Structure formats: structure tokens, C-alpha cells
Amino acid sequence: MATVELRFSALPEHVRTARLVAAAVARRSGVDEAVLDEVRLAVGEACTRAVGLHQSGGITAPVKVSLIEEEKQFSIEVGDEAPRIAPGDRVPGSGDIDVDAEEDEMGLAVISGLVDDVEVTAGEHGGLIRMTWPTTPPATALG
């Protein structure tokens, strides 16, 4: 199992780099060419979401992206350190909590529409989106 890890400051300009690296590693891992645009879009959405959560929460820790090549699948994990609260709870000083929640749900809906196998976890120490695509083994030369 090969893993590539990225960490970047929670700034929107770094999302493009994460998308490009994710697509390149996905291609090398054997993800079908027809799916690479979906990989790029899903990673962009997940990273943009993580950047937004860090910025709105005043979190200075980097956003983490793991690109994991396994035997028959390729996974991308995008992690943030933004603590989640129970629905209806209020975070002191956050007047736009409902707007943030709506944007968060919209981002997750977009990701779910792009990726068949997606898992979202969140808690008081942050969240993780794990997206997985099937891979095909590289063709071997017969000779």
C-alpha cells in the first residue's frame, strides 16, 4: 500500500494544487481516465470545505490530504481539525451557524453525487472525508 500525504495551509489558493496532485496520483494508481474529472472535482470540493471550516473556526492547523493506493482501489482522505457540534447547539460568536451548516450540507451532497463510495466522519477533534474509487491493474507487456 503506497500513500502520498499533503498538508497545506487553509488557503483557497492551495486547493488547486491538491486537485492536481490527487488526479496525477489517481492516474498512476490505475483509476480509469473517464473518472479523473470526478476525482478532481470531489477533491476540490472536499478541500474547499475543509479550508472553509478552518477559516471560519480560526484554525491555523493545516488541511491534511492522504492519497492511498491499495490493491484494487484508490482512496483519498481529506481531514480537517474543525470541531463539530450537535445540531441545534450554538458556538459562541458564530452568528451564521445555520448558513455554514447549509453550505456544509451542500458540499457533502456534491461530493456524494460525484463519488459512489464516500464516508464522512466528524467529531469534537475534526472531520474526515474518505472517497474511494476502483482501480484496474496496469497492462503487462506480453512478449
N, C-alpha and C. Protein backbone atom coordinates (compact mmCIF):
# COMPACT_ATOMS: atom_id res chain seq x y z
N MET A 1 0.85 -1.18 0.00
CA MET A 1 0.00 0.00 0.00
C MET A 1 0.90 1.24 0.00
N ALA A 2 0.77 2.06 -1.03
CA ALA A 2 1.54 3.30 -1.13
C ALA A 2 0.65 4.47 -0.73
N THR A 3 1.22 5.41 0.00
CA THR A 3 0.47 6.58 0.44
C THR A 3 1.26 7.85 0.16
N VAL A 4 0.57 8.85 -0.37
CA VAL A 4 1.13 10.18 -0.54
C VAL A 4 0.34 11.09 0.39
N GLU A 5 1.04 11.89 1.17
CA GLU A 5 0.36 12.79 2.09
C GLU A 5 0.68 14.24 1.75
N LEU A 6 -0.35 15.07 1.76
CA LEU A 6 -0.21 16.50 1.57
C LEU A 6 -0.72 17.21 2.81
N ARG A 7 -0.08 18.28 3.15
CA ARG A 7 -0.57 19.17 4.20
C ARG A 7 -0.42 20.57 3.65
N PHE A 8 -1.49 21.35 3.74
CA PHE A 8 -1.38 22.72 3.23
C PHE A 8 -2.13 23.69 4.12
N SER A 9 -1.64 24.92 4.16
CA SER A 9 -2.31 25.98 4.91
C SER A 9 -3.72 26.14 4.39
N ALA A 10 -4.64 26.44 5.27
CA ALA A 10 -6.05 26.55 4.91
C ALA A 10 -6.31 27.83 4.12
N LEU A 11 -5.80 27.83 2.89
CA LEU A 11 -5.98 28.96 1.98
C LEU A 11 -6.55 28.43 0.67
N PRO A 12 -7.54 29.13 0.11
CA PRO A 12 -8.18 28.64 -1.12
C PRO A 12 -7.21 28.40 -2.27
N GLU A 13 -6.13 29.17 -2.35
CA GLU A 13 -5.21 29.01 -3.48
C GLU A 13 -4.47 27.67 -3.48
N HIS A 14 -4.48 26.96 -2.35
CA HIS A 14 -3.80 25.67 -2.29
C HIS A 14 -4.69 24.50 -2.74
N VAL A 15 -5.99 24.76 -2.87
CA VAL A 15 -6.92 23.70 -3.26
C VAL A 15 -6.59 23.20 -4.67
N ARG A 16 -6.25 24.09 -5.57
CA ARG A 16 -5.92 23.69 -6.95
C ARG A 16 -4.74 22.72 -6.97
N THR A 17 -3.73 23.00 -6.16
CA THR A 17 -2.57 22.11 -6.10
C THR A 17 -2.98 20.73 -5.62
N ALA A 18 -3.82 20.68 -4.59
CA ALA A 18 -4.30 19.39 -4.07
C ALA A 18 -5.06 18.62 -5.15
N ARG A 19 -5.88 19.33 -5.92
CA ARG A 19 -6.63 18.68 -7.01
C ARG A 19 -5.70 18.09 -8.05
N LEU A 20 -4.68 18.85 -8.45
CA LEU A 20 -3.75 18.38 -9.47
C LEU A 20 -2.95 17.17 -9.01
N VAL A 21 -2.47 17.23 -7.77
CA VAL A 21 -1.70 16.10 -7.22
C VAL A 21 -2.60 14.87 -7.11
N ALA A 22 -3.82 15.05 -6.63
CA ALA A 22 -4.75 13.92 -6.48
C ALA A 22 -5.02 13.25 -7.83
N ALA A 23 -5.24 14.05 -8.86
CA ALA A 23 -5.51 13.48 -10.19
C ALA A 23 -4.30 12.74 -10.72
N ALA A 24 -3.11 13.29 -10.52
CA ALA A 24 -1.89 12.63 -11.00
C ALA A 24 -1.66 11.30 -10.29
N VAL A 25 -1.85 11.27 -8.98
CA VAL A 25 -1.64 10.03 -8.23
C VAL A 25 -2.74 9.02 -8.57
N ALA A 26 -3.96 9.50 -8.75
CA ALA A 26 -5.06 8.59 -9.13
C ALA A 26 -4.78 7.94 -10.48
N ARG A 27 -4.30 8.72 -11.43
CA ARG A 27 -3.98 8.19 -12.76
C ARG A 27 -2.90 7.11 -12.63
N ARG A 28 -1.85 7.42 -11.89
CA ARG A 28 -0.75 6.46 -11.72
C ARG A 28 -1.22 5.20 -10.99
N SER A 29 -2.23 5.34 -10.13
CA SER A 29 -2.72 4.20 -9.34
C SER A 29 -3.64 3.29 -10.13
N GLY A 30 -4.08 3.73 -11.31
CA GLY A 30 -4.93 2.88 -12.13
C GLY A 30 -6.40 3.26 -12.13
N VAL A 31 -6.73 4.46 -11.64
CA VAL A 31 -8.12 4.92 -11.72
C VAL A 31 -8.42 5.19 -13.19
N ASP A 32 -9.59 4.77 -13.64
CA ASP A 32 -9.99 4.93 -15.03
C ASP A 32 -9.94 6.40 -15.46
N GLU A 33 -9.41 6.65 -16.65
CA GLU A 33 -9.28 8.01 -17.19
C GLU A 33 -10.62 8.75 -17.19
N ALA A 34 -11.71 8.03 -17.46
CA ALA A 34 -13.03 8.65 -17.54
C ALA A 34 -13.50 9.19 -16.19
N VAL A 35 -12.90 8.74 -15.12
CA VAL A 35 -13.31 9.12 -13.77
C VAL A 35 -12.42 10.23 -13.18
N LEU A 36 -11.32 10.54 -13.83
CA LEU A 36 -10.36 11.50 -13.26
C LEU A 36 -10.95 12.88 -13.02
N ASP A 37 -11.88 13.33 -13.89
CA ASP A 37 -12.52 14.63 -13.65
C ASP A 37 -13.34 14.58 -12.36
N GLU A 38 -14.00 13.46 -12.11
CA GLU A 38 -14.77 13.32 -10.87
C GLU A 38 -13.84 13.34 -9.66
N VAL A 39 -12.69 12.70 -9.78
CA VAL A 39 -11.70 12.71 -8.70
C VAL A 39 -11.28 14.16 -8.41
N ARG A 40 -10.93 14.89 -9.47
CA ARG A 40 -10.51 16.29 -9.33
C ARG A 40 -11.59 17.14 -8.67
N LEU A 41 -12.82 17.00 -9.16
CA LEU A 41 -13.92 17.80 -8.61
C LEU A 41 -14.21 17.45 -7.16
N ALA A 42 -14.23 16.16 -6.84
CA ALA A 42 -14.53 15.73 -5.48
C ALA A 42 -13.46 16.19 -4.50
N VAL A 43 -12.19 16.07 -4.90
CA VAL A 43 -11.10 16.52 -4.04
C VAL A 43 -11.16 18.03 -3.86
N GLY A 44 -11.45 18.74 -4.95
CA GLY A 44 -11.58 20.19 -4.85
C GLY A 44 -12.69 20.59 -3.89
N GLU A 45 -13.81 19.92 -3.97
CA GLU A 45 -14.95 20.23 -3.09
C GLU A 45 -14.60 19.90 -1.63
N ALA A 46 -13.99 18.74 -1.39
CA ALA A 46 -13.64 18.34 -0.03
C ALA A 46 -12.59 19.29 0.57
N CYS A 47 -11.60 19.67 -0.23
CA CYS A 47 -10.57 20.58 0.26
C CYS A 47 -11.11 21.98 0.50
N THR A 48 -11.97 22.45 -0.40
CA THR A 48 -12.60 23.77 -0.22
C THR A 48 -13.42 23.79 1.05
N ARG A 49 -14.14 22.70 1.30
CA ARG A 49 -14.93 22.58 2.52
C ARG A 49 -14.04 22.63 3.76
N ALA A 50 -12.94 21.88 3.73
CA ALA A 50 -12.01 21.87 4.87
C ALA A 50 -11.39 23.25 5.09
N VAL A 51 -10.99 23.92 4.00
CA VAL A 51 -10.43 25.27 4.11
C VAL A 51 -11.46 26.21 4.75
N GLY A 52 -12.69 26.13 4.29
CA GLY A 52 -13.74 26.98 4.84
C GLY A 52 -13.98 26.73 6.32
N LEU A 53 -13.98 25.46 6.72
CA LEU A 53 -14.17 25.13 8.13
C LEU A 53 -13.02 25.67 8.98
N HIS A 54 -11.80 25.55 8.48
CA HIS A 54 -10.64 26.06 9.21
C HIS A 54 -10.70 27.58 9.31
N GLN A 55 -11.01 28.24 8.20
CA GLN A 55 -11.03 29.70 8.22
C GLN A 55 -12.15 30.24 9.11
N SER A 56 -13.34 29.66 9.02
CA SER A 56 -14.44 30.16 9.84
C SER A 56 -14.24 29.85 11.32
N GLY A 57 -13.47 28.81 11.62
CA GLY A 57 -13.20 28.45 13.01
C GLY A 57 -11.92 29.04 13.56
N GLY A 58 -11.19 29.80 12.74
CA GLY A 58 -9.93 30.39 13.19
C GLY A 58 -8.86 29.34 13.48
N ILE A 59 -8.90 28.23 12.76
CA ILE A 59 -7.96 27.12 12.99
C ILE A 59 -6.74 27.32 12.11
N THR A 60 -5.56 27.30 12.71
CA THR A 60 -4.33 27.53 11.96
C THR A 60 -3.65 26.24 11.50
N ALA A 61 -4.13 25.10 11.97
CA ALA A 61 -3.55 23.81 11.58
C ALA A 61 -3.77 23.59 10.08
N PRO A 62 -2.87 22.83 9.44
CA PRO A 62 -3.04 22.58 8.00
C PRO A 62 -4.16 21.60 7.70
N VAL A 63 -4.67 21.68 6.49
CA VAL A 63 -5.61 20.69 5.98
C VAL A 63 -4.76 19.49 5.55
N LYS A 64 -5.25 18.28 5.82
CA LYS A 64 -4.49 17.08 5.50
C LYS A 64 -5.19 16.29 4.40
N VAL A 65 -4.41 15.86 3.42
CA VAL A 65 -4.92 15.03 2.33
C VAL A 65 -4.02 13.81 2.22
N SER A 66 -4.63 12.62 2.28
CA SER A 66 -3.89 11.36 2.10
C SER A 66 -4.41 10.68 0.84
N LEU A 67 -3.49 10.30 -0.02
CA LEU A 67 -3.81 9.60 -1.26
C LEU A 67 -3.30 8.18 -1.10
N ILE A 68 -4.20 7.22 -1.03
CA ILE A 68 -3.85 5.86 -0.63
C ILE A 68 -4.11 4.87 -1.76
N GLU A 69 -3.05 4.24 -2.22
CA GLU A 69 -3.14 3.25 -3.29
C GLU A 69 -3.16 1.86 -2.64
N GLU A 70 -4.27 1.15 -2.84
CA GLU A 70 -4.40 -0.20 -2.30
C GLU A 70 -4.51 -1.17 -3.47
N GLU A 71 -4.69 -2.45 -3.17
CA GLU A 71 -4.62 -3.47 -4.21
C GLU A 71 -5.62 -3.25 -5.34
N LYS A 72 -6.88 -3.04 -5.03
CA LYS A 72 -7.88 -2.89 -6.09
C LYS A 72 -8.66 -1.59 -5.97
N GLN A 73 -8.13 -0.66 -5.18
CA GLN A 73 -8.83 0.61 -5.02
C GLN A 73 -7.87 1.74 -4.69
N PHE A 74 -8.35 2.94 -4.92
CA PHE A 74 -7.60 4.16 -4.63
C PHE A 74 -8.49 5.02 -3.76
N SER A 75 -7.96 5.48 -2.63
CA SER A 75 -8.74 6.28 -1.70
C SER A 75 -8.07 7.62 -1.45
N ILE A 76 -8.90 8.61 -1.21
CA ILE A 76 -8.42 9.93 -0.83
C ILE A 76 -9.13 10.31 0.45
N GLU A 77 -8.34 10.72 1.43
CA GLU A 77 -8.88 11.19 2.70
C GLU A 77 -8.54 12.66 2.87
N VAL A 78 -9.55 13.48 3.12
CA VAL A 78 -9.35 14.90 3.38
C VAL A 78 -9.79 15.14 4.82
N GLY A 79 -8.83 15.58 5.64
CA GLY A 79 -9.10 15.78 7.05
C GLY A 79 -8.99 17.23 7.46
N ASP A 80 -9.83 17.61 8.39
CA ASP A 80 -9.78 18.95 8.96
C ASP A 80 -9.77 18.82 10.48
N GLU A 81 -9.47 19.92 11.14
CA GLU A 81 -9.45 19.91 12.61
C GLU A 81 -10.53 20.79 13.20
N ALA A 82 -11.60 21.03 12.44
CA ALA A 82 -12.71 21.85 12.91
C ALA A 82 -13.65 20.99 13.75
N PRO A 83 -13.82 21.34 15.02
CA PRO A 83 -14.71 20.55 15.87
C PRO A 83 -16.16 20.69 15.41
N ARG A 84 -16.90 19.60 15.50
CA ARG A 84 -18.31 19.62 15.13
C ARG A 84 -19.14 19.66 16.40
N ILE A 85 -20.31 20.25 16.26
CA ILE A 85 -21.24 20.32 17.38
C ILE A 85 -22.51 19.58 17.01
N ALA A 86 -23.32 19.28 18.00
CA ALA A 86 -24.59 18.63 17.74
C ALA A 86 -25.53 19.63 17.08
N PRO A 87 -26.40 19.16 16.18
CA PRO A 87 -27.34 20.07 15.54
C PRO A 87 -28.15 20.84 16.58
N GLY A 88 -28.30 22.14 16.35
CA GLY A 88 -29.07 22.98 17.28
C GLY A 88 -28.20 23.67 18.33
N ASP A 89 -27.01 23.15 18.60
CA ASP A 89 -26.11 23.81 19.55
C ASP A 89 -25.55 25.07 18.91
N ARG A 90 -25.17 26.02 19.74
CA ARG A 90 -24.60 27.26 19.24
C ARG A 90 -23.15 27.37 19.69
N VAL A 91 -22.32 27.82 18.78
CA VAL A 91 -20.92 28.07 19.12
C VAL A 91 -20.83 29.56 19.45
N PRO A 92 -20.25 29.92 20.60
CA PRO A 92 -20.15 31.33 20.94
C PRO A 92 -19.49 32.14 19.83
N GLY A 93 -20.11 33.27 19.48
CA GLY A 93 -19.51 34.16 18.49
C GLY A 93 -19.76 33.75 17.05
N SER A 94 -20.56 32.73 16.81
CA SER A 94 -20.81 32.31 15.42
C SER A 94 -22.27 32.57 15.09
N GLY A 95 -22.56 33.75 14.63
CA GLY A 95 -23.93 34.12 14.30
C GLY A 95 -24.46 33.44 13.06
N ASP A 96 -23.60 33.01 12.14
CA ASP A 96 -24.03 32.42 10.88
C ASP A 96 -23.93 30.91 10.88
N ILE A 97 -24.18 30.28 12.01
CA ILE A 97 -24.02 28.83 12.11
C ILE A 97 -24.96 28.10 11.15
N ASP A 98 -26.20 28.61 10.95
CA ASP A 98 -27.15 27.95 10.06
C ASP A 98 -26.70 28.05 8.61
N VAL A 99 -26.16 29.21 8.20
CA VAL A 99 -25.65 29.38 6.85
C VAL A 99 -24.47 28.44 6.62
N ASP A 100 -23.56 28.36 7.60
CA ASP A 100 -22.42 27.45 7.49
C ASP A 100 -22.88 26.00 7.36
N ALA A 101 -23.89 25.62 8.12
CA ALA A 101 -24.39 24.24 8.08
C ALA A 101 -24.99 23.94 6.71
N GLU A 102 -25.72 24.90 6.13
CA GLU A 102 -26.30 24.70 4.81
C GLU A 102 -25.22 24.53 3.75
N GLU A 103 -24.17 25.37 3.80
CA GLU A 103 -23.07 25.26 2.85
C GLU A 103 -22.36 23.93 3.01
N ASP A 104 -22.18 23.48 4.26
CA ASP A 104 -21.53 22.21 4.54
C ASP A 104 -22.33 21.06 3.93
N GLU A 105 -23.64 21.07 4.14
CA GLU A 105 -24.50 20.02 3.59
C GLU A 105 -24.47 20.02 2.07
N MET A 106 -24.44 21.21 1.46
CA MET A 106 -24.39 21.31 0.00
C MET A 106 -23.09 20.71 -0.53
N GLY A 107 -21.97 21.02 0.12
CA GLY A 107 -20.67 20.47 -0.29
C GLY A 107 -20.66 18.95 -0.18
N LEU A 108 -21.22 18.42 0.89
CA LEU A 108 -21.27 16.96 1.05
C LEU A 108 -22.18 16.33 0.01
N ALA A 109 -23.27 17.01 -0.36
CA ALA A 109 -24.16 16.49 -1.38
C ALA A 109 -23.46 16.42 -2.74
N VAL A 110 -22.66 17.45 -3.05
CA VAL A 110 -21.91 17.45 -4.31
C VAL A 110 -20.92 16.28 -4.33
N ILE A 111 -20.19 16.10 -3.23
CA ILE A 111 -19.22 15.00 -3.15
C ILE A 111 -19.92 13.65 -3.31
N SER A 112 -21.06 13.48 -2.63
CA SER A 112 -21.80 12.22 -2.72
C SER A 112 -22.31 11.96 -4.13
N GLY A 113 -22.60 13.03 -4.87
CA GLY A 113 -23.03 12.88 -6.25
C GLY A 113 -21.90 12.48 -7.19
N LEU A 114 -20.68 12.84 -6.82
CA LEU A 114 -19.52 12.54 -7.65
C LEU A 114 -18.88 11.19 -7.35
N VAL A 115 -18.98 10.75 -6.09
CA VAL A 115 -18.26 9.57 -5.63
C VAL A 115 -19.26 8.53 -5.13
N ASP A 116 -19.18 7.31 -5.66
CA ASP A 116 -20.08 6.25 -5.22
C ASP A 116 -19.77 5.78 -3.82
N ASP A 117 -18.49 5.72 -3.47
CA ASP A 117 -18.07 5.19 -2.18
C ASP A 117 -17.45 6.32 -1.36
N VAL A 118 -18.26 6.96 -0.52
CA VAL A 118 -17.78 8.07 0.30
C VAL A 118 -18.22 7.85 1.75
N GLU A 119 -17.33 8.17 2.66
CA GLU A 119 -17.60 8.03 4.09
C GLU A 119 -17.20 9.32 4.78
N VAL A 120 -18.11 9.88 5.58
CA VAL A 120 -17.86 11.13 6.27
C VAL A 120 -17.94 10.88 7.77
N THR A 121 -16.88 11.26 8.48
CA THR A 121 -16.90 11.16 9.94
C THR A 121 -16.54 12.52 10.50
N ALA A 122 -17.09 12.83 11.67
CA ALA A 122 -16.81 14.11 12.30
C ALA A 122 -17.02 14.00 13.80
N GLY A 123 -16.27 14.80 14.53
CA GLY A 123 -16.38 14.80 15.97
C GLY A 123 -15.77 16.05 16.55
N GLU A 124 -15.51 16.01 17.84
CA GLU A 124 -15.01 17.21 18.51
C GLU A 124 -13.58 17.56 18.13
N HIS A 125 -12.85 16.64 17.48
CA HIS A 125 -11.46 16.92 17.08
C HIS A 125 -11.30 17.13 15.58
N GLY A 126 -12.41 17.17 14.86
CA GLY A 126 -12.33 17.41 13.43
C GLY A 126 -13.09 16.36 12.63
N GLY A 127 -12.92 16.45 11.32
CA GLY A 127 -13.65 15.55 10.45
C GLY A 127 -12.76 14.94 9.38
N LEU A 128 -13.31 13.93 8.72
CA LEU A 128 -12.58 13.23 7.68
C LEU A 128 -13.58 12.80 6.60
N ILE A 129 -13.22 13.07 5.35
CA ILE A 129 -13.99 12.57 4.22
C ILE A 129 -13.09 11.56 3.51
N ARG A 130 -13.57 10.32 3.39
CA ARG A 130 -12.82 9.27 2.69
C ARG A 130 -13.60 8.91 1.43
N MET A 131 -12.94 9.07 0.29
CA MET A 131 -13.54 8.78 -1.01
C MET A 131 -12.73 7.66 -1.66
N THR A 132 -13.42 6.68 -2.24
CA THR A 132 -12.73 5.52 -2.81
C THR A 132 -13.23 5.23 -4.21
N TRP A 133 -12.28 4.90 -5.09
CA TRP A 133 -12.57 4.53 -6.47
C TRP A 133 -11.90 3.20 -6.77
N PRO A 134 -12.51 2.38 -7.64
CA PRO A 134 -11.86 1.13 -8.05
C PRO A 134 -10.70 1.43 -9.00
N THR A 135 -9.74 0.53 -9.02
CA THR A 135 -8.61 0.67 -9.94
C THR A 135 -8.51 -0.57 -10.81
N THR A 136 -7.86 -0.41 -11.93
CA THR A 136 -7.58 -1.55 -12.80
C THR A 136 -6.07 -1.73 -12.82
N PRO A 137 -5.59 -2.95 -12.73
CA PRO A 137 -4.15 -3.16 -12.74
C PRO A 137 -3.55 -2.72 -14.07
N PRO A 138 -2.33 -2.23 -14.05
CA PRO A 138 -1.69 -1.81 -15.31
C PRO A 138 -1.51 -3.00 -16.24
N ALA A 139 -1.65 -2.74 -17.52
CA ALA A 139 -1.49 -3.81 -18.51
C ALA A 139 -0.02 -4.22 -18.55
N THR A 140 0.19 -5.52 -18.60
CA THR A 140 1.58 -6.00 -18.66
C THR A 140 1.89 -6.38 -20.11
N ALA A 141 3.11 -6.13 -20.49
CA ALA A 141 3.54 -6.42 -21.86
C ALA A 141 3.73 -7.92 -22.02
N LEU A 142 3.15 -8.43 -23.06
CA LEU A 142 3.34 -9.86 -23.35
C LEU A 142 4.47 -9.98 -24.35
N GLY A 143 5.30 -10.93 -24.12
CA GLY A 143 6.37 -10.96 -25.08
C GLY A 143 7.05 -12.23 -25.09
